Amino acid sequence: MTRMYGEYRSPKQMLDAQEYDGHLSIHDDQMAEDLGFSGAPIEGPTHFSQFVPLLHEVFGDVWFERGCISAHYQNMVVDGEEVRVFAEPRGSDLTPIAIGAEKRDGTPVLIGTASVGPDYGETEIDRRLAKLRPSEQLVILADLKVGQQGAANPEDVIMEFDQHMGPMYPFSLRQKLAKITEAHPYYTSSDNPWGRPVIPMEMVSVLTQYSSGGAGFRVRGPAIGLFAGQEIRLFDGPLFVNHPYQLEREIVALSESRRTESNWIKTSIFDAKSRELVAETILNSAVLKDSYADYATEAAALGKKLPTTGH
């Protein structure tokens, strides 16, 4: 099969009032400009919705039950920019397939893989985790350790249509559905194969993140972070609106680049009624070194060698 393209869409910024650790995030225009960005970026998983029509066409309804989308974010998108996505099925072997997103001028937004279980294949996040090298000495993430468990494990969560998702996600599912790039009847109606409204893939990220402040993963700050990569994998989906789930979090990797320090957190999602594992996410959150005022001082105290030409 040849490369399949979606239509150009204009994803909407819904995080301009986002707060975490008591301060505004990079999704605030002024904060983004202060850090040298052209504007407040739209959160990465927002783009996942644009893939659903293509992946539903390729895989069928099983995509909503055992689908996996795995992405590395390359360039930020700001409100008003247009984005289209593509998928590249490879003949009869559909697992995994390459996916990507790009702006109208050709600037890449993300690259990744899509697949369905039980044999998900090697995903984009799998490949990137395999290539990580241990960091010599982290500063902002110095208090974290690989294998560290979430302090609130297991953590009770739910997503209702009109539930405000808190300071990290200052909107409801109903408000998101009014602005989502690709609507789908499965999201709002019980007239589907499972008889219940389905949580969109991009909102699975919100389900696992809106309460993450209680996980106890202490990051030194204030500092500004952004999503660098993400995977959402369904084992026994879909996830449903107004259904109770429990989360268990674990740090699976810590890493560093010239400009950032990153943690890689796996969140296992269990059905709160059956305690069956229904989904799993891995989120690579990168914290900007330049956004932490005490970075140079604390790095020196730790004996860490700083780059000579910036971070």
Protein backbone atom coordinates (compact mmCIF):
# COMPACT_ATOMS: atom_id res chain seq x y z
CA MET A 1 0.00 0.00 0.00
CA THR A 2 1.13 3.55 -0.64
CA ARG A 3 1.39 6.32 1.93
CA MET A 4 -2.02 7.44 3.21
CA TYR A 5 -2.60 11.09 4.10
CA GLY A 6 -5.19 12.76 6.28
CA GLU A 7 -6.65 16.18 5.70
CA TYR A 8 -4.95 19.34 6.95
CA ARG A 9 -6.36 20.33 10.34
CA SER A 10 -5.79 23.24 12.72
CA PRO A 11 -5.38 21.80 16.24
CA LYS A 12 -6.57 24.08 19.01
CA GLN A 13 -4.61 25.29 22.03
CA MET A 14 -6.50 24.42 25.22
CA LEU A 15 -3.67 24.66 27.78
CA ASP A 16 -2.98 28.40 27.89
CA ALA A 17 -4.16 28.45 31.53
CA GLN A 18 -2.32 25.25 32.52
CA GLU A 19 -0.51 25.32 35.87
CA TYR A 20 1.79 22.86 37.56
CA ASP A 21 4.05 23.24 40.57
CA GLY A 22 2.35 26.60 41.15
CA HIS A 23 3.45 28.30 37.92
CA LEU A 24 2.30 28.64 34.34
CA SER A 25 3.56 26.10 31.81
CA ILE A 26 5.22 26.36 28.41
CA HIS A 27 1.70 26.44 26.95
CA ASP A 28 1.40 30.06 28.13
CA ASP A 29 2.38 32.44 25.29
CA GLN A 30 4.57 34.73 27.41
CA MET A 31 6.33 31.83 29.12
CA ALA A 32 7.02 30.22 25.75
CA GLU A 33 8.38 33.47 24.29
CA ASP A 34 10.62 34.00 27.33
CA LEU A 35 12.17 30.60 26.59
CA GLY A 36 12.80 31.49 22.95
CA PHE A 37 9.85 29.77 21.28
CA SER A 38 7.64 31.43 18.66
CA GLY A 39 4.50 30.81 20.68
CA ALA A 40 2.81 28.46 23.11
CA PRO A 41 2.96 24.91 21.72
CA ILE A 42 -0.04 22.65 21.36
CA GLU A 43 0.42 19.53 23.48
CA GLY A 44 1.79 16.59 21.50
CA PRO A 45 -0.96 13.98 22.02
CA THR A 46 -3.48 16.43 20.52
CA HIS A 47 -2.14 15.22 17.16
CA PHE A 48 -3.04 11.59 17.91
CA SER A 49 -6.68 12.22 17.03
CA GLN A 50 -5.77 13.02 13.44
CA PHE A 51 -4.41 9.49 12.99
CA VAL A 52 -7.63 7.76 14.05
CA PRO A 53 -9.43 7.85 10.65
CA LEU A 54 -6.38 6.40 8.89
CA LEU A 55 -5.66 3.76 11.52
CA HIS A 56 -9.32 2.79 11.81
CA GLU A 57 -9.29 2.26 8.04
CA VAL A 58 -6.12 0.15 8.20
CA PHE A 59 -6.85 -1.95 11.29
CA GLY A 60 -10.63 -1.79 11.76
CA ASP A 61 -12.34 -1.71 15.16
CA VAL A 62 -9.48 -3.68 16.73
CA TRP A 63 -7.58 -0.36 16.71
CA PHE A 64 -9.83 0.84 19.54
CA GLU A 65 -9.26 -2.39 21.49
CA ARG A 66 -5.56 -3.23 21.06
CA GLY A 67 -4.08 -0.25 19.24
CA CYS A 68 -0.67 1.24 20.03
CA ILE A 69 0.54 4.66 18.91
CA SER A 70 4.15 5.52 19.67
CA ALA A 71 5.64 8.90 18.78
CA HIS A 72 8.70 11.10 19.05
CA TYR A 73 7.80 14.79 18.91
CA GLN A 74 10.07 16.77 16.60
CA ASN A 75 8.76 20.32 16.24
CA MET A 76 6.15 22.35 18.09
CA VAL A 77 2.84 23.45 16.59
CA VAL A 78 1.18 26.70 17.64
CA ASP A 79 -2.47 27.66 17.37
CA GLY A 80 -3.35 28.58 13.80
CA GLU A 81 -0.84 26.28 12.09
CA GLU A 82 -2.14 23.49 9.88
CA VAL A 83 -1.02 19.89 10.26
CA ARG A 84 -1.64 16.71 8.31
CA VAL A 85 -0.75 13.16 9.24
CA PHE A 86 0.25 10.12 7.22
CA ALA A 87 0.56 6.37 7.63
CA GLU A 88 2.60 3.88 5.61
CA PRO A 89 1.15 0.34 5.67
CA ARG A 90 3.67 -2.21 4.40
CA GLY A 91 1.82 -4.72 2.26
CA SER A 92 0.19 -7.54 4.23
CA ASP A 93 2.48 -7.04 7.21
CA LEU A 94 0.66 -4.20 8.97
CA THR A 95 2.36 -4.36 12.37
CA PRO A 96 3.93 -1.93 13.02
CA ILE A 97 3.43 0.75 10.39
CA ALA A 98 5.30 4.03 10.12
CA ILE A 99 3.36 7.21 10.90
CA GLY A 100 4.20 10.89 10.86
CA ALA A 101 2.79 14.40 10.95
CA GLU A 102 3.90 17.55 9.15
CA LYS A 103 2.97 21.20 8.82
CA ARG A 104 1.74 22.66 5.54
CA ASP A 105 5.28 23.92 4.77
CA GLY A 106 6.66 20.41 5.23
CA THR A 107 8.15 20.91 8.71
CA PRO A 108 8.00 17.56 10.54
CA VAL A 109 5.88 17.50 13.71
CA LEU A 110 6.35 13.90 14.84
CA ILE A 111 7.45 10.49 13.68
CA GLY A 112 6.42 7.16 15.08
CA THR A 113 4.76 3.79 14.71
CA ALA A 114 1.25 2.38 14.95
CA SER A 115 0.40 -1.25 15.55
CA VAL A 116 -2.12 -3.60 17.11
CA GLY A 117 -1.62 -6.38 19.61
CA PRO A 118 -0.98 -8.92 20.77
CA ASP A 119 2.19 -8.67 18.65
CA TYR A 120 2.82 -4.92 18.69
CA GLY A 121 6.28 -5.17 17.16
CA GLU A 122 9.13 -2.78 17.92
CA THR A 123 7.66 0.66 18.53
CA GLU A 124 9.21 4.11 18.20
CA ILE A 125 9.57 4.40 21.99
CA ASP A 126 11.03 0.88 22.19
CA ARG A 127 13.76 1.93 19.75
CA ARG A 128 14.55 5.14 21.60
CA LEU A 129 14.68 3.49 25.01
CA ALA A 130 17.09 0.89 23.64
CA LYS A 131 19.49 3.62 22.47
CA LEU A 132 19.62 5.63 25.71
CA ARG A 133 22.93 6.06 27.47
CA PRO A 134 23.03 6.51 31.26
CA SER A 135 23.42 10.14 32.34
CA GLU A 136 26.57 10.98 34.26
CA GLN A 137 24.92 13.38 36.69
CA LEU A 138 21.43 14.86 36.50
CA VAL A 139 20.67 18.16 38.22
CA ILE A 140 16.96 18.97 37.91
CA LEU A 141 16.11 15.25 38.12
CA ALA A 142 18.78 14.43 40.70
CA ASP A 143 16.19 13.17 43.19
CA LEU A 144 14.72 10.56 40.83
CA LYS A 145 15.79 6.95 40.32
CA VAL A 146 15.03 4.35 37.68
CA GLY A 147 12.59 1.84 39.14
CA GLN A 148 11.03 4.42 41.47
CA GLN A 149 7.32 3.79 42.01
CA GLY A 150 4.58 6.39 42.22
CA ALA A 151 3.83 7.46 45.78
CA ALA A 152 0.08 7.15 45.22
CA ASN A 153 0.10 3.67 43.60
CA PRO A 154 -2.61 2.56 42.95
CA GLU A 155 -4.22 5.90 42.08
CA ASP A 156 -7.97 6.15 41.38
CA VAL A 157 -9.01 8.11 38.27
CA ILE A 158 -12.10 8.56 36.14
CA MET A 159 -13.10 10.76 33.19
CA GLU A 160 -16.68 12.01 32.88
CA PHE A 161 -17.98 14.23 30.07
CA ASP A 162 -18.31 17.35 32.19
CA GLN A 163 -15.52 16.71 34.69
CA HIS A 164 -13.03 19.58 34.90
CA MET A 165 -9.63 17.89 34.69
CA GLY A 166 -7.84 20.27 37.08
CA PRO A 167 -5.04 22.85 36.81
CA MET A 168 -2.92 20.68 34.49
CA TYR A 169 -5.83 20.21 32.07
CA PRO A 170 -8.23 23.14 32.55
CA PHE A 171 -11.06 21.77 30.41
CA SER A 172 -13.56 18.91 30.29
CA LEU A 173 -13.90 16.01 27.86
CA ARG A 174 -17.01 17.65 26.41
CA GLN A 175 -15.05 20.86 25.76
CA LYS A 176 -12.27 18.84 24.11
CA LEU A 177 -14.75 17.03 21.88
CA ALA A 178 -16.07 20.39 20.67
CA LYS A 179 -12.59 21.27 19.37
CA ILE A 180 -11.07 17.87 18.57
CA THR A 181 -9.41 17.70 15.15
CA GLU A 182 -11.20 14.49 14.13
CA ALA A 183 -14.59 13.72 15.67
CA HIS A 184 -15.78 10.11 15.82
CA PRO A 185 -19.24 8.78 16.77
CA TYR A 186 -17.63 6.23 19.12
CA TYR A 187 -16.62 9.11 21.42
CA THR A 188 -20.13 10.36 22.17
CA SER A 189 -22.57 7.52 21.51
CA SER A 190 -23.28 4.10 22.99
CA ASP A 191 -24.17 2.93 19.48
CA ASN A 192 -20.83 1.21 18.91
CA PRO A 193 -19.46 -2.35 19.29
CA TRP A 194 -18.94 -1.90 23.05
CA GLY A 195 -22.17 -0.10 23.95
CA ARG A 196 -20.46 2.77 25.76
CA PRO A 197 -18.78 6.07 24.77
CA VAL A 198 -15.04 5.63 24.20
CA ILE A 199 -12.30 7.91 25.56
CA PRO A 200 -10.33 9.31 22.57
CA MET A 201 -6.70 8.16 22.34
CA GLU A 202 -5.39 11.69 22.95
CA MET A 203 -7.48 11.91 26.14
CA VAL A 204 -5.98 8.68 27.49
CA SER A 205 -2.92 10.88 27.98
CA VAL A 206 -5.01 13.31 30.03
CA LEU A 207 -6.49 10.44 32.06
CA THR A 208 -3.01 9.35 33.10
CA GLN A 209 -1.53 12.82 33.58
CA TYR A 210 -4.10 15.13 35.15
CA SER A 211 -3.46 13.71 38.63
CA SER A 212 0.25 13.00 38.18
CA GLY A 213 1.29 15.72 40.62
CA GLY A 214 0.59 13.27 43.43
CA ALA A 215 3.00 10.66 42.09
CA GLY A 216 5.83 11.96 44.27
CA PHE A 217 8.41 12.21 41.49
CA ARG A 218 10.22 15.30 42.79
CA VAL A 219 11.70 17.56 40.13
CA ARG A 220 13.81 20.53 41.25
CA GLY A 221 12.36 23.82 40.19
CA PRO A 222 10.56 25.85 39.25
CA ALA A 223 11.45 24.59 35.78
CA ILE A 224 9.57 24.20 32.53
CA GLY A 225 8.96 20.84 30.89
CA LEU A 226 7.45 19.56 27.67
CA PHE A 227 6.52 16.21 26.14
CA ALA A 228 9.35 14.80 24.00
CA GLY A 229 7.85 11.40 23.22
CA GLN A 230 4.88 9.26 24.11
CA GLU A 231 3.34 5.84 23.67
CA ILE A 232 -0.21 4.70 24.38
CA ARG A 233 -0.80 0.95 24.19
CA LEU A 234 -4.20 -0.70 24.63
CA PHE A 235 -4.28 -4.31 25.83
CA ASP A 236 -7.99 -4.73 26.51
CA GLY A 237 -9.65 -1.54 25.33
CA PRO A 238 -11.31 0.69 24.66
CA LEU A 239 -11.18 2.86 27.77
CA PHE A 240 -14.63 4.18 28.60
CA VAL A 241 -16.10 7.48 29.72
CA ASN A 242 -17.37 7.45 33.33
CA HIS A 243 -15.60 4.18 34.20
CA PRO A 244 -13.22 3.90 37.18
CA TYR A 245 -9.58 3.06 36.57
CA GLN A 246 -6.49 2.73 38.73
CA LEU A 247 -3.00 3.88 37.80
CA GLU A 248 0.41 2.59 38.83
CA ARG A 249 3.46 4.63 37.83
CA GLU A 250 7.13 3.73 37.51
CA ILE A 251 10.22 5.54 36.23
CA VAL A 252 11.69 3.28 33.54
CA ALA A 253 14.54 5.54 32.33
CA LEU A 254 16.31 8.85 32.95
CA SER A 255 18.24 10.62 30.21
CA GLU A 256 19.84 13.88 29.16
CA SER A 257 20.46 15.96 26.06
CA ARG A 258 22.35 19.22 25.64
CA ARG A 259 19.28 21.32 26.47
CA THR A 260 17.13 19.00 28.58
CA GLU A 261 16.92 16.38 31.28
CA SER A 262 14.27 13.71 30.72
CA ASN A 263 12.32 11.18 32.71
CA TRP A 264 10.52 8.26 31.10
CA ILE A 265 7.49 7.22 33.15
CA LYS A 266 5.42 4.11 32.51
CA THR A 267 1.82 4.30 33.71
CA SER A 268 -0.12 1.04 33.91
CA ILE A 269 -3.89 1.44 33.68
CA PHE A 270 -6.06 -1.13 35.46
CA ASP A 271 -9.81 -1.54 35.37
CA ALA A 272 -10.76 -0.59 38.93
CA LYS A 273 -13.55 -3.18 39.03
CA SER A 274 -11.74 -6.21 37.63
CA ARG A 275 -8.12 -5.15 38.32
CA GLU A 276 -7.26 -6.31 34.80
CA LEU A 277 -4.45 -4.44 33.04
CA VAL A 278 -6.20 -2.67 30.16
CA ALA A 279 -3.62 -0.16 28.88
CA GLU A 280 -0.17 1.29 29.39
CA THR A 281 1.49 4.56 28.56
CA ILE A 282 5.10 5.68 28.45
CA LEU A 283 5.76 9.41 28.58
CA ASN A 284 9.14 11.03 27.97
CA SER A 285 8.98 14.42 29.70
CA ALA A 286 11.90 16.75 29.02
CA VAL A 287 12.73 19.61 31.40
CA LEU A 288 14.55 22.61 29.90
CA LYS A 289 17.84 23.26 31.68
CA ASP A 290 17.71 26.96 30.85
CA SER A 291 14.34 27.29 32.61
CA TYR A 292 15.84 26.35 36.00
CA ALA A 293 17.48 29.41 37.54
CA ASP A 294 19.77 27.37 39.82
CA TYR A 295 20.94 24.92 37.18
CA ALA A 296 24.53 26.22 36.82
CA THR A 297 25.03 26.63 40.58
CA GLU A 298 23.75 23.16 41.46
CA ALA A 299 25.59 21.57 38.54
CA ALA A 300 28.85 23.09 39.79
CA ALA A 301 28.16 21.84 43.31
CA LEU A 302 27.68 18.34 41.92
CA GLY A 303 30.93 18.61 39.97
CA LYS A 304 29.12 18.39 36.65
CA LYS A 305 30.96 19.75 33.61
CA LEU A 306 28.82 22.31 31.78
CA PRO A 307 28.82 22.67 27.98
CA THR A 308 30.95 25.57 26.78
CA THR A 309 28.40 26.77 24.20
CA GLY A 310 25.11 26.60 26.08
CA HIS A 311 22.78 23.81 26.94
